[in-house]
Amino acid sequence: LSIVITDTNGVLLGATVARDGQWRFPAIDSVPEKFSKAIISYEDKRFFRHPGIDPIALIRAAITDISHKKIVSGGSTLSMQTIRLSRGNKPRTIHEKIIEMVLALRLELRFSKKEILSLYSSYAPFGGNVVGLEAASWRYFGCEPHKLTWAECAMLAVLPNSPSLIHPGKNRDILLQKRNRLLQRLFTGGIIDSVTCELSKLEQLPPKPFALPQTAPHLLHRAEKEYLRKNSKKRNQSRESKIS
């Protein structure tokens, strides 16, 4: 995880990249309503009604894959995708899909829908070295997730499925098209009105990632040193325990 410091009101003061070079903030407790509706509309519209597996989506995906003679759609629910993330994004084989289905059912028995959505949002890839909704919100829009607009939430909702679209070049046109199609779907589904839909489509994509706030660089450096020192101490104690 990244080392993140905030003030008493939760305002971000600074953050470091994780040791593997990723911007990966600690897991969020709740998902903003706009992003929640956007990601569910895009990835798993029956999320709150299925037990972790969506038979309708699986059948539709199977028919699509057979007609194209290749894997075009996987039919995975957000619960199954959360499992895939926890297992390191293993190859999408039939065997692995069955494992994901079984574990998704177990996940649903242990966690609530909102908790599963929080887990997915916290660890989904958002392009480049950005992992999780909070890090993506700060890197691409320079604000907290709950301050995102409908257009911004729609853009972030399509990224985990195609994280490479965030890079400059021709992909940007594809990203814009995907975002606008999702906004149209949100309008058709009665989630946003026509004015919000049209105004959101006019919003520009972020030109480049934002630098994260560095309001308290010395405090951040101290926090990082203390964290590394504590981790080193724990590893030494664990090593000594194994030797004894």
C-alpha atoms as a PDB file:
ATOM      1  CA  LEU A   1       0.000   0.000   0.000  1.00  0.00           C
ATOM      2  CA  SER A   2       0.916   3.640  -0.422  1.00  0.00           C
ATOM      3  CA  ILE A   3       1.638   5.617   2.726  1.00  0.00           C
ATOM      4  CA  VAL A   4      -1.149   8.190   3.013  1.00  0.00           C
ATOM      5  CA  ILE A   5      -1.517  11.041   5.495  1.00  0.00           C
ATOM      6  CA  THR A   6      -4.647  13.147   5.992  1.00  0.00           C
ATOM      7  CA  ASP A   7      -5.724  15.866   8.381  1.00  0.00           C
ATOM      8  CA  THR A   8      -8.398  15.415  11.069  1.00  0.00           C
ATOM      9  CA  ASN A   9     -11.115  16.102   8.469  1.00  0.00           C
ATOM     10  CA  GLY A  10      -9.809  13.434   6.118  1.00  0.00           C
ATOM     11  CA  VAL A  11      -8.286  15.893   3.633  1.00  0.00           C
ATOM     12  CA  LEU A  12      -5.319  14.373   1.812  1.00  0.00           C
ATOM     13  CA  LEU A  13      -1.996  15.953   2.808  1.00  0.00           C
ATOM     14  CA  GLY A  14       0.329  13.638   0.957  1.00  0.00           C
ATOM     15  CA  ALA A  15       1.040  10.105  -0.222  1.00  0.00           C
ATOM     16  CA  THR A  16       3.883   7.952  -1.511  1.00  0.00           C
ATOM     17  CA  VAL A  17       3.845   5.196  -4.107  1.00  0.00           C
ATOM     18  CA  ALA A  18       3.778   1.661  -2.729  1.00  0.00           C
ATOM     19  CA  ARG A  19       7.059  -0.250  -2.663  1.00  0.00           C
ATOM     20  CA  ASP A  20       6.118  -2.028  -5.910  1.00  0.00           C
ATOM     21  CA  GLY A  21       5.757   1.319  -7.701  1.00  0.00           C
ATOM     22  CA  GLN A  22       1.947   1.388  -7.618  1.00  0.00           C
ATOM     23  CA  TRP A  23      -0.344   4.125  -6.359  1.00  0.00           C
ATOM     24  CA  ARG A  24      -2.456   1.899  -4.109  1.00  0.00           C
ATOM     25  CA  PHE A  25      -4.274   3.589  -1.250  1.00  0.00           C
ATOM     26  CA  PRO A  26      -5.716   1.676   1.751  1.00  0.00           C
ATOM     27  CA  ALA A  27      -9.100   0.059   1.064  1.00  0.00           C
ATOM     28  CA  ILE A  28     -12.099   2.389   1.174  1.00  0.00           C
ATOM     29  CA  ASP A  29     -14.985   1.763   3.576  1.00  0.00           C
ATOM     30  CA  SER A  30     -17.717   2.851   1.191  1.00  0.00           C
ATOM     31  CA  VAL A  31     -18.147   3.593  -2.495  1.00  0.00           C
ATOM     32  CA  PRO A  32     -19.602   6.953  -3.644  1.00  0.00           C
ATOM     33  CA  GLU A  33     -23.129   6.550  -4.997  1.00  0.00           C
ATOM     34  CA  LYS A  34     -22.305   7.934  -8.458  1.00  0.00           C
ATOM     35  CA  PHE A  35     -19.419   5.530  -9.010  1.00  0.00           C
ATOM     36  CA  SER A  36     -21.425   2.664  -7.528  1.00  0.00           C
ATOM     37  CA  LYS A  37     -24.252   3.179 -10.029  1.00  0.00           C
ATOM     38  CA  ALA A  38     -21.827   3.691 -12.899  1.00  0.00           C
ATOM     39  CA  ILE A  39     -19.761   0.541 -12.273  1.00  0.00           C
ATOM     40  CA  ILE A  40     -22.835  -1.611 -11.683  1.00  0.00           C
ATOM     41  CA  SER A  41     -24.485  -0.326 -14.874  1.00  0.00           C
ATOM     42  CA  TYR A  42     -21.319  -1.045 -16.831  1.00  0.00           C
ATOM     43  CA  GLU A  43     -20.098  -4.306 -15.328  1.00  0.00           C
ATOM     44  CA  ASP A  44     -22.898  -6.091 -13.485  1.00  0.00           C
ATOM     45  CA  LYS A  45     -26.408  -4.635 -13.709  1.00  0.00           C
ATOM     46  CA  ARG A  46     -27.924  -7.456 -11.614  1.00  0.00           C
ATOM     47  CA  PHE A  47     -25.262  -7.137  -8.908  1.00  0.00           C
ATOM     48  CA  PHE A  48     -27.727  -6.617  -6.053  1.00  0.00           C
ATOM     49  CA  ARG A  49     -29.971  -9.487  -7.209  1.00  0.00           C
ATOM     50  CA  HIS A  50     -27.640 -12.419  -7.898  1.00  0.00           C
ATOM     51  CA  PRO A  51     -25.774 -14.617  -5.350  1.00  0.00           C
ATOM     52  CA  GLY A  52     -22.331 -14.009  -6.866  1.00  0.00           C
ATOM     53  CA  ILE A  53     -22.999 -15.740 -10.185  1.00  0.00           C
ATOM     54  CA  ASP A  54     -25.278 -14.352 -12.900  1.00  0.00           C
ATOM     55  CA  PRO A  55     -26.554 -17.261 -15.052  1.00  0.00           C
ATOM     56  CA  ILE A  56     -28.097 -14.878 -17.594  1.00  0.00           C
ATOM     57  CA  ALA A  57     -24.776 -13.083 -18.117  1.00  0.00           C
ATOM     58  CA  LEU A  58     -22.886 -16.402 -18.375  1.00  0.00           C
ATOM     59  CA  ILE A  59     -25.281 -17.779 -21.005  1.00  0.00           C
ATOM     60  CA  ARG A  60     -25.144 -14.534 -22.995  1.00  0.00           C
ATOM     61  CA  ALA A  61     -21.324 -14.549 -22.815  1.00  0.00           C
ATOM     62  CA  ALA A  62     -21.180 -18.188 -23.965  1.00  0.00           C
ATOM     63  CA  ILE A  63     -23.413 -17.461 -26.975  1.00  0.00           C
ATOM     64  CA  THR A  64     -21.320 -14.390 -27.871  1.00  0.00           C
ATOM     65  CA  ASP A  65     -18.033 -16.289 -27.581  1.00  0.00           C
ATOM     66  CA  ILE A  66     -19.324 -19.184 -29.706  1.00  0.00           C
ATOM     67  CA  SER A  67     -20.614 -16.847 -32.426  1.00  0.00           C
ATOM     68  CA  HIS A  68     -17.256 -15.002 -32.563  1.00  0.00           C
ATOM     69  CA  LYS A  69     -15.251 -18.247 -32.183  1.00  0.00           C
ATOM     70  CA  LYS A  70     -13.142 -16.591 -29.507  1.00  0.00           C
ATOM     71  CA  ILE A  71     -13.499 -15.212 -25.974  1.00  0.00           C
ATOM     72  CA  VAL A  72     -15.202 -11.841 -26.313  1.00  0.00           C
ATOM     73  CA  SER A  73     -17.139 -11.726 -23.060  1.00  0.00           C
ATOM     74  CA  GLY A  74     -16.587 -13.615 -19.805  1.00  0.00           C
ATOM     75  CA  GLY A  75     -19.897 -12.987 -18.070  1.00  0.00           C
ATOM     76  CA  SER A  76     -18.102 -12.360 -14.784  1.00  0.00           C
ATOM     77  CA  THR A  77     -19.937 -10.607 -11.970  1.00  0.00           C
ATOM     78  CA  LEU A  78     -18.250  -7.989  -9.794  1.00  0.00           C
ATOM     79  CA  SER A  79     -17.974 -10.683  -7.113  1.00  0.00           C
ATOM     80  CA  MET A  80     -16.134 -12.980  -9.531  1.00  0.00           C
ATOM     81  CA  GLN A  81     -13.892 -10.124 -10.629  1.00  0.00           C
ATOM     82  CA  THR A  82     -13.071  -9.385  -6.988  1.00  0.00           C
ATOM     83  CA  ILE A  83     -12.001 -13.005  -6.596  1.00  0.00           C
ATOM     84  CA  ARG A  84      -9.889 -12.762  -9.759  1.00  0.00           C
ATOM     85  CA  LEU A  85      -8.116  -9.698  -8.371  1.00  0.00           C
ATOM     86  CA  SER A  86      -7.414 -11.506  -5.089  1.00  0.00           C
ATOM     87  CA  ARG A  87      -5.898 -14.429  -7.027  1.00  0.00           C
ATOM     88  CA  GLY A  88      -3.536 -12.258  -9.056  1.00  0.00           C
ATOM     89  CA  ASN A  89      -5.505 -12.118 -12.330  1.00  0.00           C
ATOM     90  CA  LYS A  90      -4.768 -15.697 -13.378  1.00  0.00           C
ATOM     91  CA  PRO A  91      -5.325 -16.759 -17.025  1.00  0.00           C
ATOM     92  CA  ARG A  92      -8.983 -16.828 -18.044  1.00  0.00           C
ATOM     93  CA  THR A  93      -9.456 -20.571 -18.518  1.00  0.00           C
ATOM     94  CA  ILE A  94     -12.611 -22.612 -17.969  1.00  0.00           C
ATOM     95  CA  HIS A  95     -11.007 -24.229 -14.928  1.00  0.00           C
ATOM     96  CA  GLU A  96     -10.147 -20.857 -13.432  1.00  0.00           C
ATOM     97  CA  LYS A  97     -13.650 -19.562 -14.197  1.00  0.00           C
ATOM     98  CA  ILE A  98     -15.188 -22.447 -12.227  1.00  0.00           C
ATOM     99  CA  ILE A  99     -12.907 -21.688  -9.271  1.00  0.00           C
ATOM    100  CA  GLU A 100     -13.928 -18.017  -9.421  1.00  0.00           C
ATOM    101  CA  MET A 101     -17.614 -18.989  -9.450  1.00  0.00           C
ATOM    102  CA  VAL A 102     -17.261 -21.203  -6.373  1.00  0.00           C
ATOM    103  CA  LEU A 103     -15.238 -18.613  -4.472  1.00  0.00           C
ATOM    104  CA  ALA A 104     -17.648 -15.829  -5.503  1.00  0.00           C
ATOM    105  CA  LEU A 105     -20.498 -17.764  -3.881  1.00  0.00           C
ATOM    106  CA  ARG A 106     -18.436 -18.080  -0.691  1.00  0.00           C
ATOM    107  CA  LEU A 107     -17.555 -14.382  -0.852  1.00  0.00           C
ATOM    108  CA  GLU A 108     -21.256 -13.471  -1.000  1.00  0.00           C
ATOM    109  CA  LEU A 109     -21.971 -15.592   2.072  1.00  0.00           C
ATOM    110  CA  ARG A 110     -19.308 -13.793   4.104  1.00  0.00           C
ATOM    111  CA  PHE A 111     -19.587 -10.183   2.941  1.00  0.00           C
ATOM    112  CA  SER A 112     -22.426  -7.803   2.146  1.00  0.00           C
ATOM    113  CA  LYS A 113     -22.899  -6.422  -1.375  1.00  0.00           C
ATOM    114  CA  LYS A 114     -21.595  -3.029  -0.276  1.00  0.00           C
ATOM    115  CA  GLU A 115     -18.481  -4.611   1.240  1.00  0.00           C
ATOM    116  CA  ILE A 116     -17.806  -6.562  -1.963  1.00  0.00           C
ATOM    117  CA  LEU A 117     -18.214  -3.403  -4.020  1.00  0.00           C
ATOM    118  CA  SER A 118     -15.741  -1.642  -1.716  1.00  0.00           C
ATOM    119  CA  LEU A 119     -13.230  -4.466  -2.097  1.00  0.00           C
ATOM    120  CA  TYR A 120     -13.517  -4.403  -5.875  1.00  0.00           C
ATOM    121  CA  SER A 121     -13.251  -0.612  -6.050  1.00  0.00           C
ATOM    122  CA  SER A 122     -10.205  -0.610  -3.763  1.00  0.00           C
ATOM    123  CA  TYR A 123      -8.139  -3.111  -5.762  1.00  0.00           C
ATOM    124  CA  ALA A 124      -9.285  -2.785  -9.383  1.00  0.00           C
ATOM    125  CA  PRO A 125      -6.679  -1.546 -11.916  1.00  0.00           C
ATOM    126  CA  PHE A 126      -7.273   1.941 -13.308  1.00  0.00           C
ATOM    127  CA  GLY A 127      -4.447   2.126 -15.826  1.00  0.00           C
ATOM    128  CA  GLY A 128      -0.726   2.748 -15.583  1.00  0.00           C
ATOM    129  CA  ASN A 129       0.452   2.299 -12.009  1.00  0.00           C
ATOM    130  CA  VAL A 130      -2.870   3.328 -10.446  1.00  0.00           C
ATOM    131  CA  VAL A 131      -4.800   0.800  -8.351  1.00  0.00           C
ATOM    132  CA  GLY A 132      -8.080   1.467  -6.576  1.00  0.00           C
ATOM    133  CA  LEU A 133     -10.755   4.144  -6.864  1.00  0.00           C
ATOM    134  CA  GLU A 134      -9.279   6.613  -4.367  1.00  0.00           C
ATOM    135  CA  ALA A 135      -5.840   6.663  -5.964  1.00  0.00           C
ATOM    136  CA  ALA A 136      -7.446   6.950  -9.418  1.00  0.00           C
ATOM    137  CA  SER A 137      -9.651   9.835  -8.295  1.00  0.00           C
ATOM    138  CA  TRP A 138      -6.657  11.813  -7.037  1.00  0.00           C
ATOM    139  CA  ARG A 139      -4.355  10.927  -9.956  1.00  0.00           C
ATOM    140  CA  TYR A 140      -6.805  11.648 -12.769  1.00  0.00           C
ATOM    141  CA  PHE A 141      -9.038  14.347 -11.307  1.00  0.00           C
ATOM    142  CA  GLY A 142      -7.170  15.751  -8.308  1.00  0.00           C
ATOM    143  CA  CYS A 143     -10.004  15.253  -5.832  1.00  0.00           C
ATOM    144  CA  GLU A 144     -11.633  12.851  -3.410  1.00  0.00           C
ATOM    145  CA  PRO A 145     -13.908  10.142  -4.876  1.00  0.00           C
ATOM    146  CA  HIS A 146     -17.118  11.602  -3.418  1.00  0.00           C
ATOM    147  CA  LYS A 147     -16.484  14.861  -5.330  1.00  0.00           C
ATOM    148  CA  LEU A 148     -16.358  13.187  -8.757  1.00  0.00           C
ATOM    149  CA  THR A 149     -18.874  14.202 -11.416  1.00  0.00           C
ATOM    150  CA  TRP A 150     -21.020  11.747 -13.360  1.00  0.00           C
ATOM    151  CA  ALA A 151     -18.666  12.038 -16.346  1.00  0.00           C
ATOM    152  CA  GLU A 152     -15.625  11.348 -14.168  1.00  0.00           C
ATOM    153  CA  CYS A 153     -17.289   8.365 -12.491  1.00  0.00           C
ATOM    154  CA  ALA A 154     -18.313   6.978 -15.880  1.00  0.00           C
ATOM    155  CA  MET A 155     -14.739   7.262 -17.168  1.00  0.00           C
ATOM    156  CA  LEU A 156     -13.354   5.480 -14.120  1.00  0.00           C
ATOM    157  CA  ALA A 157     -16.051   2.795 -14.362  1.00  0.00           C
ATOM    158  CA  VAL A 158     -14.907   1.696 -17.826  1.00  0.00           C
ATOM    159  CA  LEU A 159     -11.171   1.674 -16.983  1.00  0.00           C
ATOM    160  CA  PRO A 160     -10.828  -1.560 -14.937  1.00  0.00           C
ATOM    161  CA  ASN A 161     -12.160  -3.497 -17.945  1.00  0.00           C
ATOM    162  CA  SER A 162      -9.667  -1.756 -20.300  1.00  0.00           C
ATOM    163  CA  PRO A 163      -6.992  -0.012 -18.174  1.00  0.00           C
ATOM    164  CA  SER A 164      -4.732   0.667 -21.171  1.00  0.00           C
ATOM    165  CA  LEU A 165      -7.260   3.186 -22.545  1.00  0.00           C
ATOM    166  CA  ILE A 166      -6.011   5.882 -20.164  1.00  0.00           C
ATOM    167  CA  HIS A 167      -2.762   6.275 -22.113  1.00  0.00           C
ATOM    168  CA  PRO A 168      -2.517   9.170 -24.624  1.00  0.00           C
ATOM    169  CA  GLY A 169      -3.062   8.603 -28.350  1.00  0.00           C
ATOM    170  CA  LYS A 170      -5.846   6.952 -30.303  1.00  0.00           C
ATOM    171  CA  ASN A 171      -7.012   5.085 -27.189  1.00  0.00           C
ATOM    172  CA  ARG A 172      -8.355   8.357 -25.854  1.00  0.00           C
ATOM    173  CA  ASP A 173     -11.052   8.418 -28.533  1.00  0.00           C
ATOM    174  CA  ILE A 174     -12.094   4.895 -27.598  1.00  0.00           C
ATOM    175  CA  LEU A 175     -12.160   5.836 -23.910  1.00  0.00           C
ATOM    176  CA  LEU A 176     -14.335   8.862 -24.676  1.00  0.00           C
ATOM    177  CA  GLN A 177     -16.740   6.727 -26.701  1.00  0.00           C
ATOM    178  CA  LYS A 178     -16.988   4.121 -23.948  1.00  0.00           C
ATOM    179  CA  ARG A 179     -17.561   6.805 -21.319  1.00  0.00           C
ATOM    180  CA  ASN A 180     -20.309   8.465 -23.358  1.00  0.00           C
ATOM    181  CA  ARG A 181     -22.025   5.148 -24.079  1.00  0.00           C
ATOM    182  CA  LEU A 182     -22.108   4.472 -20.356  1.00  0.00           C
ATOM    183  CA  LEU A 183     -23.542   7.942 -19.702  1.00  0.00           C
ATOM    184  CA  GLN A 184     -26.247   7.195 -22.290  1.00  0.00           C
ATOM    185  CA  ARG A 185     -26.965   3.884 -20.545  1.00  0.00           C
ATOM    186  CA  LEU A 186     -27.296   5.696 -17.214  1.00  0.00           C
ATOM    187  CA  PHE A 187     -29.802   8.054 -18.849  1.00  0.00           C
ATOM    188  CA  THR A 188     -31.745   5.219 -20.479  1.00  0.00           C
ATOM    189  CA  GLY A 189     -31.869   3.437 -17.129  1.00  0.00           C
ATOM    190  CA  GLY A 190     -33.356   6.512 -15.458  1.00  0.00           C
ATOM    191  CA  ILE A 191     -30.332   7.084 -13.231  1.00  0.00           C
ATOM    192  CA  ILE A 192     -29.504  10.521 -14.650  1.00  0.00           C
ATOM    193  CA  ASP A 193     -31.671  12.988 -16.560  1.00  0.00           C
ATOM    194  CA  SER A 194     -31.176  14.159 -20.154  1.00  0.00           C
ATOM    195  CA  VAL A 195     -29.548  17.484 -19.192  1.00  0.00           C
ATOM    196  CA  THR A 196     -27.017  15.772 -16.915  1.00  0.00           C
ATOM    197  CA  CYS A 197     -26.303  13.230 -19.644  1.00  0.00           C
ATOM    198  CA  GLU A 198     -25.666  15.803 -22.359  1.00  0.00           C
ATOM    199  CA  LEU A 199     -23.595  18.119 -20.139  1.00  0.00           C
ATOM    200  CA  SER A 200     -21.545  15.168 -18.899  1.00  0.00           C
ATOM    201  CA  LYS A 201     -20.747  14.129 -22.457  1.00  0.00           C
ATOM    202  CA  LEU A 202     -19.256  17.589 -23.025  1.00  0.00           C
ATOM    203  CA  GLU A 203     -16.732  17.195 -20.198  1.00  0.00           C
ATOM    204  CA  GLN A 204     -13.160  16.670 -21.377  1.00  0.00           C
ATOM    205  CA  LEU A 205     -11.053  13.670 -20.428  1.00  0.00           C
ATOM    206  CA  PRO A 206      -8.150  14.471 -18.069  1.00  0.00           C
ATOM    207  CA  PRO A 207      -5.124  15.498 -20.173  1.00  0.00           C
ATOM    208  CA  LYS A 208      -2.566  13.867 -17.853  1.00  0.00           C
ATOM    209  CA  PRO A 209      -2.305  12.537 -14.284  1.00  0.00           C
ATOM    210  CA  PHE A 210      -2.285  15.077 -11.449  1.00  0.00           C
ATOM    211  CA  ALA A 211       0.530  15.284  -8.940  1.00  0.00           C
ATOM    212  CA  LEU A 212      -0.797  14.294  -5.530  1.00  0.00           C
ATOM    213  CA  PRO A 213      -0.920  16.945  -2.791  1.00  0.00           C
ATOM    214  CA  GLN A 214       2.336  17.439  -0.877  1.00  0.00           C
ATOM    215  CA  THR A 215       1.095  19.782   1.834  1.00  0.00           C
ATOM    216  CA  ALA A 216       3.194  18.172   4.572  1.00  0.00           C
ATOM    217  CA  PRO A 217       6.260  16.578   2.915  1.00  0.00           C
ATOM    218  CA  HIS A 218       8.317  16.383   6.110  1.00  0.00           C
ATOM    219  CA  LEU A 219       5.507  14.654   7.999  1.00  0.00           C
ATOM    220  CA  LEU A 220       5.051  12.238   5.100  1.00  0.00           C
ATOM    221  CA  HIS A 221       8.774  11.443   5.083  1.00  0.00           C
ATOM    222  CA  ARG A 222       8.722  10.831   8.835  1.00  0.00           C
ATOM    223  CA  ALA A 223       5.655   8.595   8.542  1.00  0.00           C
ATOM    224  CA  GLU A 224       7.371   6.595   5.811  1.00  0.00           C
ATOM    225  CA  LYS A 225      10.535   6.145   7.903  1.00  0.00           C
ATOM    226  CA  GLU A 226       8.531   5.047  10.952  1.00  0.00           C
ATOM    227  CA  TYR A 227       6.498   2.601   8.877  1.00  0.00           C
ATOM    228  CA  LEU A 228       9.613   1.048   7.345  1.00  0.00           C
ATOM    229  CA  ARG A 229      11.287   0.859  10.778  1.00  0.00           C
ATOM    230  CA  LYS A 230       8.286  -0.919  12.325  1.00  0.00           C
ATOM    231  CA  ASN A 231       8.072  -3.350   9.413  1.00  0.00           C
ATOM    232  CA  SER A 232      11.779  -4.097   9.660  1.00  0.00           C
ATOM    233  CA  LYS A 233      11.418  -4.741  13.393  1.00  0.00           C
ATOM    234  CA  LYS A 234       8.506  -7.110  12.822  1.00  0.00           C
ATOM    235  CA  ARG A 235      10.440  -9.044  10.163  1.00  0.00           C
ATOM    236  CA  ASN A 236      13.431  -9.396  12.498  1.00  0.00           C
ATOM    237  CA  GLN A 237      11.219 -10.620  15.338  1.00  0.00           C
ATOM    238  CA  SER A 238       9.541 -13.116  13.013  1.00  0.00           C
ATOM    239  CA  ARG A 239      12.935 -14.352  11.784  1.00  0.00           C
ATOM    240  CA  GLU A 240      14.215 -14.755  15.355  1.00  0.00           C
ATOM    241  CA  SER A 241      11.048 -16.593  16.311  1.00  0.00           C
ATOM    242  CA  LYS A 242      11.514 -19.100  13.468  1.00  0.00           C
ATOM    243  CA  ILE A 243      15.159 -19.664  14.391  1.00  0.00           C
ATOM    244  CA  SER A 244      14.340 -20.297  18.058  1.00  0.00           C
END
